[in-house]
Amino acid sequence: MHPIRFEAATTDDGVHLFHYLPGNDRAVTRHWPGLWQEWPEKGTPYTEWAVNNNNTEEVAVYVGLVWRLTAGLDRYVIPTYYCDDAERYLKQTPMLVSWEYEVDARAPTATTRDKGFVPGRTAKPLRAEPTAAELGNAGRAGLFRLSTPRDLVSALHAVLFDASSETTVFAVAPGPERLQRLVSALSGPTPPTLTEVLEEEGVFVDLTIGSDFDYFDSVMVASRADLRHWVDDLTADYARRISAYELRLDELASVPDLLREMPELSGVVLDVP
């Protein structure tokens, strides 16, 4: 059974933090050889799950973990920096906010990785001169609604091609009033605290994925409630799922075979809320 271990901590103002930092390890230790072979044009591990031959099956585990950690809440995501790409992949107009969370994918420990809320940024286009709107939005981040796990995969598609990528999920109580308070907290004149963003019921999950050498993955969870038992239950469940997946690898002869395995590995179905 492969261990996925979260380190627990509590801030001075009572926010419970859980950090998963695999370092050079991976959640999935035995990979499907077809990830390094030719794929069909459509319906690939990447198009369906953001899994590729660099960021391998652990990405499907991350998608499931993020989704299940935030069950029962409305989910919103900031795909860091690449707001315009996220708008295209998610087919949504974002809510523009002033602050986003930052994790340093090169730092080795939870303390040194966690940079907290920083001014939002959106990449300016490399083509002709940016428009006035693009220049005005360069200092803001885009907040998007996540309705299904497929939306989270789409957010990953917007950012995953960089040396490291970061998507931050804010899960809050359903309803327009709670969303408005979240947007207000992320749009004030000073950086918000996790306490202000979370309120009593919220769950915050930052997923950072390192792609280049010396950039590392991490999952950071924050909540006002102590989620330790839920986190422990999920990590034990994923240890079982990963072990079962690795035992079945030799039976997978094609990309469709692999894709049929992904819901069992991830614990979620892409188009099921």
Protein backbone atom coordinates (compact mmCIF):
# COMPACT_ATOMS: atom_id res chain seq x y z
CA MET A 1 0.00 0.00 0.00
CA HIS A 2 1.53 3.29 -1.10
CA PRO A 3 1.34 5.91 1.67
CA ILE A 4 -0.03 9.37 0.89
CA ARG A 5 0.77 11.25 4.08
CA PHE A 6 -0.42 14.73 4.99
CA GLU A 7 1.44 16.77 7.58
CA ALA A 8 -0.99 18.52 9.93
CA ALA A 9 -0.59 21.97 11.50
CA THR A 10 -2.80 24.68 12.99
CA THR A 11 -2.37 28.42 12.51
CA ASP A 12 -2.52 30.92 15.36
CA ASP A 13 -6.06 31.88 14.35
CA GLY A 14 -7.32 28.29 14.37
CA VAL A 15 -7.14 27.27 10.72
CA HIS A 16 -6.30 23.60 10.26
CA LEU A 17 -3.68 22.94 7.58
CA PHE A 18 -2.75 19.67 5.88
CA HIS A 19 0.21 19.43 3.51
CA TYR A 20 1.08 16.59 1.15
CA LEU A 21 4.63 16.99 -0.19
CA PRO A 22 5.77 13.91 -2.09
CA GLY A 23 9.11 15.42 -3.11
CA ASN A 24 10.77 13.15 -5.65
CA ASP A 25 8.28 10.37 -4.95
CA ARG A 26 5.01 9.88 -6.81
CA ALA A 27 1.65 8.76 -5.54
CA VAL A 28 1.58 6.12 -8.28
CA THR A 29 4.89 4.26 -8.45
CA ARG A 30 4.25 1.84 -11.34
CA HIS A 31 3.05 3.42 -14.57
CA TRP A 32 1.22 2.20 -17.65
CA PRO A 33 3.87 1.75 -20.40
CA GLY A 34 1.45 3.15 -23.00
CA LEU A 35 2.00 6.65 -21.60
CA TRP A 36 5.27 6.62 -23.57
CA GLN A 37 3.75 5.27 -26.80
CA GLU A 38 1.65 6.77 -29.59
CA TRP A 39 -1.91 7.83 -28.65
CA PRO A 40 -5.08 8.30 -30.70
CA GLU A 41 -5.96 11.86 -31.71
CA LYS A 42 -8.94 12.06 -29.35
CA GLY A 43 -9.83 10.52 -26.02
CA THR A 44 -6.30 10.42 -24.64
CA PRO A 45 -5.01 10.26 -21.05
CA TYR A 46 -4.19 13.97 -21.39
CA THR A 47 -7.47 15.19 -22.88
CA GLU A 48 -9.51 13.24 -20.35
CA TRP A 49 -7.42 13.42 -17.16
CA ALA A 50 -4.43 15.76 -17.79
CA VAL A 51 -2.25 12.64 -17.44
CA ASN A 52 0.84 12.54 -19.68
CA ASN A 53 4.28 10.95 -19.76
CA ASN A 54 5.70 13.63 -17.45
CA ASN A 55 2.81 14.26 -15.04
CA THR A 56 1.63 10.68 -14.87
CA GLU A 57 -1.29 8.91 -13.19
CA GLU A 58 -0.78 10.83 -9.95
CA VAL A 59 -2.66 13.72 -11.62
CA ALA A 60 -5.84 11.60 -11.72
CA VAL A 61 -5.34 10.88 -8.02
CA TYR A 62 -4.98 14.62 -7.34
CA VAL A 63 -8.18 15.38 -9.27
CA GLY A 64 -10.11 12.85 -7.24
CA LEU A 65 -8.57 13.95 -3.96
CA VAL A 66 -9.40 17.62 -4.55
CA TRP A 67 -12.95 16.79 -5.59
CA ARG A 68 -13.68 14.49 -2.68
CA LEU A 69 -12.12 16.83 -0.10
CA THR A 70 -14.59 19.52 -1.17
CA ALA A 71 -17.72 17.35 -1.42
CA GLY A 72 -21.04 19.03 -0.64
CA LEU A 73 -19.78 22.56 -1.30
CA ASP A 74 -19.79 24.90 -4.29
CA ARG A 75 -16.34 24.90 -5.86
CA TYR A 76 -14.50 27.80 -7.48
CA VAL A 77 -10.97 27.75 -8.87
CA ILE A 78 -8.20 30.20 -9.70
CA PRO A 79 -5.94 28.67 -12.38
CA THR A 80 -2.90 30.76 -11.55
CA TYR A 81 -1.61 33.21 -14.18
CA TYR A 82 -3.23 31.69 -17.27
CA CYS A 83 -6.68 33.21 -16.89
CA ASP A 84 -7.27 33.65 -20.63
CA ASP A 85 -6.40 30.02 -21.34
CA ALA A 86 -8.67 28.90 -18.52
CA GLU A 87 -11.50 30.99 -19.97
CA ARG A 88 -11.07 29.14 -23.27
CA TYR A 89 -10.85 25.67 -21.75
CA LEU A 90 -13.66 26.16 -19.24
CA LYS A 91 -15.85 28.15 -21.65
CA GLN A 92 -16.68 30.62 -18.88
CA THR A 93 -16.23 34.32 -18.27
CA PRO A 94 -14.22 34.59 -15.04
CA MET A 95 -14.97 36.67 -12.00
CA LEU A 96 -11.91 38.92 -11.73
CA VAL A 97 -10.40 39.24 -8.25
CA SER A 98 -7.41 41.04 -6.79
CA TRP A 99 -5.73 38.25 -4.81
CA GLU A 100 -4.60 34.70 -5.50
CA TYR A 101 -2.72 32.13 -3.44
CA GLU A 102 0.92 31.32 -4.12
CA VAL A 103 2.91 28.16 -3.47
CA ASP A 104 6.59 28.05 -4.44
CA ALA A 105 7.00 24.72 -6.26
CA ARG A 106 10.79 24.83 -5.82
CA ALA A 107 10.76 25.01 -2.02
CA PRO A 108 11.09 21.67 -0.19
CA THR A 109 9.03 22.23 2.97
CA ALA A 110 5.49 23.30 3.80
CA THR A 111 6.72 26.43 5.54
CA THR A 112 8.97 27.63 2.73
CA ARG A 113 6.48 26.74 -0.04
CA ASP A 114 3.53 28.62 1.44
CA LYS A 115 3.62 32.27 0.32
CA GLY A 116 0.01 33.06 1.20
CA PHE A 117 -2.18 35.50 -0.72
CA VAL A 118 -0.37 37.66 -3.27
CA PRO A 119 -1.59 40.12 -5.93
CA GLY A 120 -3.33 38.36 -8.80
CA ARG A 121 -1.67 38.11 -12.20
CA THR A 122 -2.87 37.26 -15.68
CA ALA A 123 -0.50 36.63 -18.57
CA LYS A 124 -0.52 39.26 -21.28
CA PRO A 125 -0.67 37.95 -24.87
CA LEU A 126 2.60 37.52 -26.74
CA ARG A 127 1.08 38.58 -30.05
CA ALA A 128 0.38 42.22 -31.03
CA GLU A 129 0.06 45.00 -28.48
CA PRO A 130 -2.24 44.04 -25.59
CA THR A 131 -5.60 45.77 -25.53
CA ALA A 132 -6.50 48.23 -22.78
CA ALA A 133 -8.70 45.55 -21.18
CA GLU A 134 -5.86 43.02 -21.25
CA LEU A 135 -3.48 45.50 -19.66
CA GLY A 136 -6.06 46.37 -17.03
CA ASN A 137 -6.65 42.73 -16.16
CA ALA A 138 -2.95 41.85 -15.97
CA GLY A 139 -2.99 42.62 -12.25
CA ARG A 140 -6.01 40.44 -11.47
CA ALA A 141 -6.80 36.74 -11.25
CA GLY A 142 -9.75 34.83 -12.69
CA LEU A 143 -12.13 32.87 -10.47
CA PHE A 144 -14.13 30.14 -12.26
CA ARG A 145 -16.97 27.85 -11.21
CA LEU A 146 -16.27 24.10 -11.11
CA SER A 147 -19.36 21.99 -11.74
CA THR A 148 -17.77 18.58 -12.36
CA PRO A 149 -14.32 16.98 -12.08
CA ARG A 150 -13.97 17.52 -15.83
CA ASP A 151 -13.95 21.27 -15.13
CA LEU A 152 -11.02 20.77 -12.77
CA VAL A 153 -9.19 18.86 -15.51
CA SER A 154 -9.93 21.77 -17.89
CA ALA A 155 -8.39 24.18 -15.38
CA LEU A 156 -5.30 21.97 -15.28
CA HIS A 157 -5.14 22.02 -19.09
CA ALA A 158 -4.84 25.81 -18.89
CA VAL A 159 -1.76 25.78 -16.64
CA LEU A 160 -0.03 22.40 -16.81
CA PHE A 161 2.37 23.18 -19.66
CA ASP A 162 4.55 25.48 -17.53
CA ALA A 163 7.57 24.56 -15.36
CA SER A 164 5.12 24.35 -12.49
CA SER A 165 1.40 24.93 -12.35
CA GLU A 166 -0.98 25.93 -9.60
CA THR A 167 -4.74 25.70 -9.26
CA THR A 168 -6.42 26.90 -6.09
CA VAL A 169 -9.90 25.64 -5.23
CA PHE A 170 -12.20 27.53 -2.86
CA ALA A 171 -15.12 25.37 -1.73
CA VAL A 172 -17.88 27.27 0.06
CA ALA A 173 -21.49 26.85 1.11
CA PRO A 174 -23.88 26.88 -1.86
CA GLY A 175 -25.63 30.09 -2.81
CA PRO A 176 -25.03 33.49 -4.42
CA GLU A 177 -24.58 35.34 -1.12
CA ARG A 178 -21.71 33.10 -0.05
CA LEU A 179 -20.11 33.44 -3.47
CA GLN A 180 -20.34 37.21 -3.20
CA ARG A 181 -18.59 37.14 0.17
CA LEU A 182 -15.83 34.98 -1.32
CA VAL A 183 -15.37 37.39 -4.23
CA SER A 184 -15.35 40.34 -1.82
CA ALA A 185 -12.71 38.68 0.36
CA LEU A 186 -10.52 38.12 -2.71
CA SER A 187 -11.07 41.67 -3.98
CA GLY A 188 -10.33 43.88 -0.99
CA PRO A 189 -7.56 46.50 -0.74
CA THR A 190 -5.38 44.23 1.41
CA PRO A 191 -4.60 40.52 1.09
CA PRO A 192 -7.22 38.36 2.83
CA THR A 193 -6.50 35.73 5.43
CA LEU A 194 -7.52 32.10 5.11
CA THR A 195 -9.92 32.70 7.99
CA GLU A 196 -11.71 35.43 6.05
CA VAL A 197 -11.90 33.37 2.87
CA LEU A 198 -12.98 30.13 4.54
CA GLU A 199 -15.54 31.44 7.04
CA GLU A 200 -16.92 28.56 9.12
CA GLU A 201 -17.67 25.92 6.50
CA GLY A 202 -15.19 26.50 3.68
CA VAL A 203 -12.46 24.19 2.43
CA PHE A 204 -9.42 25.50 0.56
CA VAL A 205 -7.26 23.19 -1.58
CA ASP A 206 -4.16 24.30 -3.45
CA LEU A 207 -2.84 21.84 -6.04
CA THR A 208 0.65 22.59 -7.31
CA ILE A 209 2.25 20.33 -9.92
CA GLY A 210 5.93 20.49 -10.82
CA SER A 211 6.89 19.60 -14.38
CA ASP A 212 10.51 20.71 -14.74
CA PHE A 213 13.52 19.50 -12.77
CA ASP A 214 13.58 20.81 -9.17
CA TYR A 215 9.88 21.74 -9.20
CA PHE A 216 7.72 19.58 -6.94
CA ASP A 217 4.07 18.65 -6.47
CA SER A 218 2.06 19.50 -3.39
CA VAL A 219 -1.50 19.48 -2.08
CA MET A 220 -2.38 21.98 0.64
CA VAL A 221 -5.72 21.79 2.45
CA ALA A 222 -7.09 24.40 4.84
CA SER A 223 -10.33 24.59 6.82
CA ARG A 224 -11.73 26.02 10.03
CA ALA A 225 -13.07 22.55 10.90
CA ASP A 226 -10.59 19.80 11.75
CA LEU A 227 -10.68 17.49 8.73
CA ARG A 228 -8.06 15.07 10.07
CA HIS A 229 -10.33 12.01 10.12
CA TRP A 230 -11.64 12.73 6.61
CA VAL A 231 -8.12 13.32 5.28
CA ASP A 232 -6.91 10.07 6.88
CA ASP A 233 -9.85 8.12 5.44
CA LEU A 234 -9.22 9.48 1.95
CA THR A 235 -5.49 8.79 2.01
CA ALA A 236 -6.11 5.22 3.16
CA ASP A 237 -8.66 4.81 0.37
CA TYR A 238 -6.19 6.11 -2.23
CA ALA A 239 -3.46 3.78 -0.99
CA ARG A 240 -5.86 0.91 -1.69
CA ARG A 241 -6.90 2.30 -5.08
CA ILE A 242 -3.30 2.85 -6.19
CA SER A 243 -2.23 -0.65 -5.14
CA ALA A 244 -5.17 -2.19 -6.99
CA TYR A 245 -4.42 -0.10 -10.10
CA GLU A 246 -0.77 -1.11 -10.16
CA LEU A 247 -1.76 -4.78 -9.91
CA ARG A 248 -4.05 -4.41 -12.95
CA LEU A 249 -1.56 -2.58 -15.19
CA ASP A 250 -0.51 -5.67 -17.14
CA GLU A 251 -4.12 -6.16 -18.24
CA LEU A 252 -4.31 -2.73 -19.95
CA ALA A 253 -3.59 -3.10 -23.66
CA SER A 254 -4.86 0.22 -25.04
CA VAL A 255 -5.70 3.83 -24.20
CA PRO A 256 -9.44 2.97 -23.84
CA ASP A 257 -8.44 0.28 -21.33
CA LEU A 258 -6.50 2.86 -19.31
CA LEU A 259 -9.33 5.38 -19.44
CA ARG A 260 -11.75 2.78 -18.09
CA GLU A 261 -9.43 2.39 -15.08
CA MET A 262 -9.17 6.09 -14.26
CA PRO A 263 -12.49 6.49 -12.40
CA GLU A 264 -11.54 3.63 -10.09
CA LEU A 265 -8.06 5.05 -9.51
CA SER A 266 -9.28 8.62 -9.00
CA GLY A 267 -12.45 7.85 -7.07
CA VAL A 268 -14.52 10.19 -9.27
CA VAL A 269 -16.35 10.15 -12.60
CA LEU A 270 -15.45 13.13 -14.76
CA ASP A 271 -18.98 14.26 -15.63
CA VAL A 272 -20.66 13.53 -12.30
CA PRO A 273 -20.90 16.59 -9.96
